[in-house]
């Protein structure tokens, strides 16, 4: 993964990891690299596919790592 990704994840709190995804919580109000607003969680899809169960409607920004893995930034 690239340096920007490593630096971003180093500021986040790990919450969940499965074979197909990793989820981190933004406990320090870091701005989203897509829209510059603070985001709630970062979900990185590490497997071929995965599904997300959302308990509430969320705004989502999408980006990719240098390895082309989708990164979903959730906003509440």
PDB file of N, CA and C in Angstrom:
ATOM      1  N   UNK A   1       0.850  -1.178   0.000  1.00  0.00           N
ATOM      2  CA  UNK A   1       0.000   0.000   0.000  1.00  0.00           C
ATOM      3  C   UNK A   1       0.898   1.244   0.000  1.00  0.00           C
ATOM      4  N   UNK A   2       0.334   2.346  -0.400  1.00  0.00           N
ATOM      5  CA  UNK A   2       1.159   3.535  -0.528  1.00  0.00           C
ATOM      6  C   UNK A   2       1.307   4.276   0.796  1.00  0.00           C
ATOM      7  N   UNK A   3       2.221   5.224   0.823  1.00  0.00           N
ATOM      8  CA  UNK A   3       2.535   5.960   2.054  1.00  0.00           C
ATOM      9  C   UNK A   3       1.346   6.767   2.561  1.00  0.00           C
ATOM     10  N   UNK A   4       0.577   7.385   1.659  1.00  0.00           N
ATOM     11  CA  UNK A   4      -0.585   8.174   2.071  1.00  0.00           C
ATOM     12  C   UNK A   4      -1.597   7.292   2.795  1.00  0.00           C
ATOM     13  N   UNK A   5      -1.830   6.099   2.268  1.00  0.00           N
ATOM     14  CA  UNK A   5      -2.754   5.154   2.909  1.00  0.00           C
ATOM     15  C   UNK A   5      -2.230   4.767   4.289  1.00  0.00           C
ATOM     16  N   UNK A   6      -0.960   4.394   4.381  1.00  0.00           N
ATOM     17  CA  UNK A   6      -0.370   3.995   5.661  1.00  0.00           C
ATOM     18  C   UNK A   6      -0.470   5.115   6.689  1.00  0.00           C
ATOM     19  N   UNK A   7      -0.204   6.336   6.268  1.00  0.00           N
ATOM     20  CA  UNK A   7      -0.283   7.469   7.184  1.00  0.00           C
ATOM     21  C   UNK A   7      -1.726   7.690   7.644  1.00  0.00           C
ATOM     22  N   UNK A   8      -2.675   7.650   6.737  1.00  0.00           N
ATOM     23  CA  UNK A   8      -4.083   7.830   7.084  1.00  0.00           C
ATOM     24  C   UNK A   8      -4.526   6.775   8.097  1.00  0.00           C
ATOM     25  N   UNK A   9      -4.256   5.516   7.814  1.00  0.00           N
ATOM     26  CA  UNK A   9      -4.683   4.425   8.697  1.00  0.00           C
ATOM     27  C   UNK A   9      -4.008   4.526  10.065  1.00  0.00           C
ATOM     28  N   UNK A  10      -2.810   5.063  10.134  1.00  0.00           N
ATOM     29  CA  UNK A  10      -2.110   5.163  11.418  1.00  0.00           C
ATOM     30  C   UNK A  10      -2.832   6.095  12.393  1.00  0.00           C
ATOM     31  N   UNK A  11      -3.669   7.004  11.888  1.00  0.00           N
ATOM     32  CA  UNK A  11      -4.424   7.922  12.742  1.00  0.00           C
ATOM     33  C   UNK A  11      -5.800   7.385  13.124  1.00  0.00           C
ATOM     34  N   UNK A  12      -6.209   6.248  12.558  1.00  0.00           N
ATOM     35  CA  UNK A  12      -7.546   5.704  12.778  1.00  0.00           C
ATOM     36  C   UNK A  12      -7.525   4.556  13.771  1.00  0.00           C
ATOM     37  N   UNK A  13      -8.688   4.255  14.342  1.00  0.00           N
ATOM     38  CA  UNK A  13      -8.821   3.182  15.322  1.00  0.00           C
ATOM     39  C   UNK A  13      -9.378   1.938  14.629  1.00  0.00           C
ATOM     40  N   UNK A  14      -8.621   0.818  14.615  1.00  0.00           N
ATOM     41  CA  UNK A  14      -9.135  -0.410  13.997  1.00  0.00           C
ATOM     42  C   UNK A  14     -10.379  -0.900  14.741  1.00  0.00           C
ATOM     43  N   UNK A  15     -11.424  -1.303  13.995  1.00  0.00           N
ATOM     44  CA  UNK A  15     -12.674  -1.767  14.602  1.00  0.00           C
ATOM     45  C   UNK A  15     -13.058  -3.175  14.196  1.00  0.00           C
ATOM     46  N   UNK A  16     -12.793  -3.562  12.951  1.00  0.00           N
ATOM     47  CA  UNK A  16     -13.230  -4.877  12.478  1.00  0.00           C
ATOM     48  C   UNK A  16     -12.358  -5.297  11.304  1.00  0.00           C
ATOM     49  N   UNK A  17     -12.049  -6.594  11.238  1.00  0.00           N
ATOM     50  CA  UNK A  17     -11.303  -7.123  10.102  1.00  0.00           C
ATOM     51  C   UNK A  17     -11.828  -8.512   9.778  1.00  0.00           C
ATOM     52  N   UNK A  18     -12.163  -8.730   8.520  1.00  0.00           N
ATOM     53  CA  UNK A  18     -12.590 -10.040   8.035  1.00  0.00           C
ATOM     54  C   UNK A  18     -11.708 -10.390   6.840  1.00  0.00           C
ATOM     55  N   UNK A  19     -11.984 -11.506   6.221  1.00  0.00           N
ATOM     56  CA  UNK A  19     -11.213 -11.903   5.039  1.00  0.00           C
ATOM     57  C   UNK A  19     -11.429 -10.954   3.866  1.00  0.00           C
ATOM     58  N   UNK A  20     -12.560 -10.237   3.875  1.00  0.00           N
ATOM     59  CA  UNK A  20     -12.877  -9.415   2.714  1.00  0.00           C
ATOM     60  C   UNK A  20     -12.898  -7.912   2.969  1.00  0.00           C
ATOM     61  N   UNK A  21     -12.708  -7.475   4.230  1.00  0.00           N
ATOM     62  CA  UNK A  21     -12.702  -6.036   4.493  1.00  0.00           C
ATOM     63  C   UNK A  21     -12.045  -5.704   5.818  1.00  0.00           C
ATOM     64  N   UNK A  22     -11.642  -4.430   5.923  1.00  0.00           N
ATOM     65  CA  UNK A  22     -11.111  -3.860   7.169  1.00  0.00           C
ATOM     66  C   UNK A  22     -11.897  -2.584   7.447  1.00  0.00           C
ATOM     67  N   UNK A  23     -12.263  -2.370   8.718  1.00  0.00           N
ATOM     68  CA  UNK A  23     -12.997  -1.158   9.071  1.00  0.00           C
ATOM     69  C   UNK A  23     -12.253  -0.422  10.176  1.00  0.00           C
ATOM     70  N   UNK A  24     -12.091   0.884   9.973  1.00  0.00           N
ATOM     71  CA  UNK A  24     -11.427   1.758  10.932  1.00  0.00           C
ATOM     72  C   UNK A  24     -12.365   2.891  11.302  1.00  0.00           C
ATOM     73  N   UNK A  25     -12.302   3.335  12.552  1.00  0.00           N
ATOM     74  CA  UNK A  25     -13.116   4.462  12.997  1.00  0.00           C
ATOM     75  C   UNK A  25     -12.240   5.701  13.085  1.00  0.00           C
ATOM     76  N   UNK A  26     -12.800   6.809  12.656  1.00  0.00           N
ATOM     77  CA  UNK A  26     -12.104   8.091  12.698  1.00  0.00           C
ATOM     78  C   UNK A  26     -12.463   8.782  14.018  1.00  0.00           C
ATOM     79  N   UNK A  27     -11.674   8.575  15.025  1.00  0.00           N
ATOM     80  CA  UNK A  27     -11.951   9.140  16.347  1.00  0.00           C
ATOM     81  C   UNK A  27     -11.322  10.518  16.547  1.00  0.00           C
ATOM     82  N   UNK A  28     -10.589  10.996  15.556  1.00  0.00           N
ATOM     83  CA  UNK A  28      -9.908  12.291  15.705  1.00  0.00           C
ATOM     84  C   UNK A  28     -10.351  13.322  14.672  1.00  0.00           C
ATOM     85  N   UNK A  29     -11.459  13.073  13.971  1.00  0.00           N
ATOM     86  CA  UNK A  29     -12.032  14.021  12.994  1.00  0.00           C
ATOM     87  C   UNK A  29     -11.088  14.380  11.856  1.00  0.00           C
ATOM     88  N   UNK A  30     -10.365  13.402  11.359  1.00  0.00           N
ATOM     89  CA  UNK A  30      -9.506  13.614  10.188  1.00  0.00           C
ATOM     90  C   UNK A  30     -10.398  13.889   8.981  1.00  0.00           C
ATOM     91  N   UNK A  31     -10.041  14.832   8.123  1.00  0.00           N
ATOM     92  CA  UNK A  31     -10.874  15.112   6.948  1.00  0.00           C
ATOM     93  C   UNK A  31     -10.782  13.997   5.906  1.00  0.00           C
ATOM     94  N   UNK A  32     -11.877  13.784   5.234  1.00  0.00           N
ATOM     95  CA  UNK A  32     -11.958  12.814   4.144  1.00  0.00           C
ATOM     96  C   UNK A  32     -11.079  13.297   2.987  1.00  0.00           C
ATOM     97  N   UNK A  33     -10.260  12.438   2.394  1.00  0.00           N
ATOM     98  CA  UNK A  33      -9.420  12.875   1.274  1.00  0.00           C
ATOM     99  C   UNK A  33     -10.218  13.166   0.006  1.00  0.00           C
ATOM    100  N   UNK A  34     -11.487  12.796  -0.018  1.00  0.00           N
ATOM    101  CA  UNK A  34     -12.323  13.039  -1.197  1.00  0.00           C
ATOM    102  C   UNK A  34     -13.048  14.377  -1.089  1.00  0.00           C
ATOM    103  N   UNK A  35     -13.719  14.623   0.065  1.00  0.00           N
ATOM    104  CA  UNK A  35     -14.556  15.826   0.182  1.00  0.00           C
ATOM    105  C   UNK A  35     -14.065  16.831   1.236  1.00  0.00           C
ATOM    106  N   UNK A  36     -13.023  16.502   1.971  1.00  0.00           N
ATOM    107  CA  UNK A  36     -12.426  17.357   3.008  1.00  0.00           C
ATOM    108  C   UNK A  36     -13.294  17.561   4.244  1.00  0.00           C
ATOM    109  N   UNK A  37     -14.393  16.817   4.377  1.00  0.00           N
ATOM    110  CA  UNK A  37     -15.212  16.846   5.596  1.00  0.00           C
ATOM    111  C   UNK A  37     -14.795  15.679   6.480  1.00  0.00           C
ATOM    112  N   UNK A  38     -14.889  15.804   7.812  1.00  0.00           N
ATOM    113  CA  UNK A  38     -14.563  14.664   8.675  1.00  0.00           C
ATOM    114  C   UNK A  38     -15.453  13.466   8.341  1.00  0.00           C
ATOM    115  N   UNK A  39     -14.873  12.280   8.365  1.00  0.00           N
ATOM    116  CA  UNK A  39     -15.629  11.068   8.080  1.00  0.00           C
ATOM    117  C   UNK A  39     -15.754  10.228   9.343  1.00  0.00           C
ATOM    118  N   UNK A  40     -16.714   9.319   9.369  1.00  0.00           N
ATOM    119  CA  UNK A  40     -16.949   8.476  10.550  1.00  0.00           C
ATOM    120  C   UNK A  40     -16.093   7.221  10.515  1.00  0.00           C
ATOM    121  N   UNK A  41     -16.165   6.484   9.413  1.00  0.00           N
ATOM    122  CA  UNK A  41     -15.447   5.219   9.282  1.00  0.00           C
ATOM    123  C   UNK A  41     -14.797   5.117   7.915  1.00  0.00           C
ATOM    124  N   UNK A  42     -13.744   4.333   7.859  1.00  0.00           N
ATOM    125  CA  UNK A  42     -13.100   3.960   6.605  1.00  0.00           C
ATOM    126  C   UNK A  42     -13.257   2.458   6.465  1.00  0.00           C
ATOM    127  N   UNK A  43     -13.831   2.012   5.358  1.00  0.00           N
ATOM    128  CA  UNK A  43     -13.952   0.592   5.063  1.00  0.00           C
ATOM    129  C   UNK A  43     -13.108   0.320   3.830  1.00  0.00           C
ATOM    130  N   UNK A  44     -12.180  -0.634   3.944  1.00  0.00           N
ATOM    131  CA  UNK A  44     -11.327  -1.010   2.828  1.00  0.00           C
ATOM    132  C   UNK A  44     -11.709  -2.422   2.406  1.00  0.00           C
ATOM    133  N   UNK A  45     -12.071  -2.574   1.147  1.00  0.00           N
ATOM    134  CA  UNK A  45     -12.429  -3.883   0.621  1.00  0.00           C
ATOM    135  C   UNK A  45     -11.134  -4.588   0.235  1.00  0.00           C
ATOM    136  N   UNK A  46     -10.811  -5.669   0.947  1.00  0.00           N
ATOM    137  CA  UNK A  46      -9.564  -6.392   0.705  1.00  0.00           C
ATOM    138  C   UNK A  46      -9.770  -7.672  -0.087  1.00  0.00           C
ATOM    139  N   UNK A  47     -10.998  -8.150  -0.127  1.00  0.00           N
ATOM    140  CA  UNK A  47     -11.304  -9.368  -0.879  1.00  0.00           C
ATOM    141  C   UNK A  47     -11.870  -9.032  -2.239  1.00  0.00           C
ATOM    142  N   UNK A  48     -12.254 -10.072  -2.965  1.00  0.00           N
ATOM    143  CA  UNK A  48     -12.832  -9.890  -4.294  1.00  0.00           C
ATOM    144  C   UNK A  48     -14.168  -9.154  -4.224  1.00  0.00           C
ATOM    145  N   UNK A  49     -14.961  -9.456  -3.181  1.00  0.00           N
ATOM    146  CA  UNK A  49     -16.245  -8.783  -2.995  1.00  0.00           C
ATOM    147  C   UNK A  49     -16.667  -8.906  -1.536  1.00  0.00           C
ATOM    148  N   UNK A  50     -17.566  -8.029  -1.136  1.00  0.00           N
ATOM    149  CA  UNK A  50     -18.109  -8.064   0.214  1.00  0.00           C
ATOM    150  C   UNK A  50     -19.430  -7.312   0.205  1.00  0.00           C
ATOM    151  N   UNK A  51     -20.214  -7.477   1.246  1.00  0.00           N
ATOM    152  CA  UNK A  51     -21.445  -6.703   1.361  1.00  0.00           C
ATOM    153  C   UNK A  51     -21.392  -5.921   2.665  1.00  0.00           C
ATOM    154  N   UNK A  52     -22.048  -4.783   2.670  1.00  0.00           N
ATOM    155  CA  UNK A  52     -22.095  -3.937   3.854  1.00  0.00           C
ATOM    156  C   UNK A  52     -23.530  -3.868   4.335  1.00  0.00           C
ATOM    157  N   UNK A  53     -23.721  -4.049   5.618  1.00  0.00           N
ATOM    158  CA  UNK A  53     -25.041  -3.913   6.203  1.00  0.00           C
ATOM    159  C   UNK A  53     -25.081  -2.586   6.936  1.00  0.00           C
ATOM    160  N   UNK A  54     -25.836  -1.647   6.400  1.00  0.00           N
ATOM    161  CA  UNK A  54     -25.909  -0.310   6.975  1.00  0.00           C
ATOM    162  C   UNK A  54     -27.110  -0.219   7.903  1.00  0.00           C
ATOM    163  N   UNK A  55     -26.870   0.223   9.117  1.00  0.00           N
ATOM    164  CA  UNK A  55     -27.954   0.349  10.084  1.00  0.00           C
ATOM    165  C   UNK A  55     -28.682   1.686   9.945  1.00  0.00           C
ATOM    166  N   UNK A  56     -28.108   2.603   9.189  1.00  0.00           N
ATOM    167  CA  UNK A  56     -28.716   3.917   8.965  1.00  0.00           C
ATOM    168  C   UNK A  56     -28.224   4.469   7.635  1.00  0.00           C
ATOM    169  N   UNK A  57     -28.971   5.390   7.044  1.00  0.00           N
ATOM    170  CA  UNK A  57     -28.517   5.984   5.782  1.00  0.00           C
ATOM    171  C   UNK A  57     -27.227   6.786   6.004  1.00  0.00           C
ATOM    172  N   UNK A  58     -26.270   6.623   5.117  1.00  0.00           N
ATOM    173  CA  UNK A  58     -24.995   7.320   5.217  1.00  0.00           C
ATOM    174  C   UNK A  58     -24.603   7.905   3.871  1.00  0.00           C
ATOM    175  N   UNK A  59     -23.889   9.018   3.915  1.00  0.00           N
ATOM    176  CA  UNK A  59     -23.229   9.521   2.715  1.00  0.00           C
ATOM    177  C   UNK A  59     -21.896   8.794   2.629  1.00  0.00           C
ATOM    178  N   UNK A  60     -21.494   8.422   1.431  1.00  0.00           N
ATOM    179  CA  UNK A  60     -20.257   7.660   1.257  1.00  0.00           C
ATOM    180  C   UNK A  60     -19.421   8.294   0.158  1.00  0.00           C
ATOM    181  N   UNK A  61     -18.141   8.523   0.449  1.00  0.00           N
ATOM    182  CA  UNK A  61     -17.164   8.921  -0.551  1.00  0.00           C
ATOM    183  C   UNK A  61     -16.323   7.685  -0.879  1.00  0.00           C
ATOM    184  N   UNK A  62     -15.883   7.572  -2.126  1.00  0.00           N
ATOM    185  CA  UNK A  62     -15.144   6.391  -2.569  1.00  0.00           C
ATOM    186  C   UNK A  62     -13.826   6.807  -3.192  1.00  0.00           C
ATOM    187  N   UNK A  63     -12.784   6.066  -2.839  1.00  0.00           N
ATOM    188  CA  UNK A  63     -11.463   6.260  -3.423  1.00  0.00           C
ATOM    189  C   UNK A  63     -10.836   4.873  -3.554  1.00  0.00           C
ATOM    190  N   UNK A  64      -9.571   4.809  -3.986  1.00  0.00           N
ATOM    191  CA  UNK A  64      -8.868   3.529  -4.079  1.00  0.00           C
ATOM    192  C   UNK A  64      -7.457   3.679  -3.553  1.00  0.00           C
ATOM    193  N   UNK A  65      -6.934   2.567  -3.030  1.00  0.00           N
ATOM    194  CA  UNK A  65      -5.532   2.534  -2.622  1.00  0.00           C
ATOM    195  C   UNK A  65      -4.685   2.421  -3.886  1.00  0.00           C
ATOM    196  N   UNK A  66      -3.378   2.522  -3.735  1.00  0.00           N
ATOM    197  CA  UNK A  66      -2.497   2.374  -4.900  1.00  0.00           C
ATOM    198  C   UNK A  66      -2.590   0.964  -5.477  1.00  0.00           C
ATOM    199  N   UNK A  67      -3.058   0.019  -4.679  1.00  0.00           N
ATOM    200  CA  UNK A  67      -3.247  -1.362  -5.143  1.00  0.00           C
ATOM    201  C   UNK A  67      -4.649  -1.571  -5.716  1.00  0.00           C
ATOM    202  N   UNK A  68      -5.379  -0.480  -5.934  1.00  0.00           N
ATOM    203  CA  UNK A  68      -6.717  -0.487  -6.532  1.00  0.00           C
ATOM    204  C   UNK A  68      -7.787  -1.129  -5.640  1.00  0.00           C
ATOM    205  N   UNK A  69      -7.568  -1.175  -4.324  1.00  0.00           N
ATOM    206  CA  UNK A  69      -8.582  -1.676  -3.406  1.00  0.00           C
ATOM    207  C   UNK A  69      -9.522  -0.527  -3.054  1.00  0.00           C
ATOM    208  N   UNK A  70     -10.834  -0.756  -3.173  1.00  0.00           N
ATOM    209  CA  UNK A  70     -11.780   0.311  -2.855  1.00  0.00           C
ATOM    210  C   UNK A  70     -11.713   0.745  -1.389  1.00  0.00           C
ATOM    211  N   UNK A  71     -11.796   2.059  -1.175  1.00  0.00           N
ATOM    212  CA  UNK A  71     -11.866   2.631   0.163  1.00  0.00           C
ATOM    213  C   UNK A  71     -13.163   3.423   0.241  1.00  0.00           C
ATOM    214  N   UNK A  72     -13.996   3.100   1.219  1.00  0.00           N
ATOM    215  CA  UNK A  72     -15.277   3.775   1.413  1.00  0.00           C
ATOM    216  C   UNK A  72     -15.192   4.616   2.687  1.00  0.00           C
ATOM    217  N   UNK A  73     -15.422   5.915   2.540  1.00  0.00           N
ATOM    218  CA  UNK A  73     -15.423   6.834   3.681  1.00  0.00           C
ATOM    219  C   UNK A  73     -16.868   7.147   4.007  1.00  0.00           C
ATOM    220  N   UNK A  74     -17.328   6.742   5.197  1.00  0.00           N
ATOM    221  CA  UNK A  74     -18.734   6.974   5.561  1.00  0.00           C
ATOM    222  C   UNK A  74     -18.854   8.285   6.325  1.00  0.00           C
ATOM    223  N   UNK A  75     -19.955   8.987   6.037  1.00  0.00           N
ATOM    224  CA  UNK A  75     -20.269  10.244   6.708  1.00  0.00           C
ATOM    225  C   UNK A  75     -21.652  10.132   7.319  1.00  0.00           C
ATOM    226  N   UNK A  76     -21.776  10.491   8.577  1.00  0.00           N
ATOM    227  CA  UNK A  76     -23.072  10.395   9.240  1.00  0.00           C
ATOM    228  C   UNK A  76     -23.792  11.717   9.177  1.00  0.00           C
TER     229      UNK A  76
END
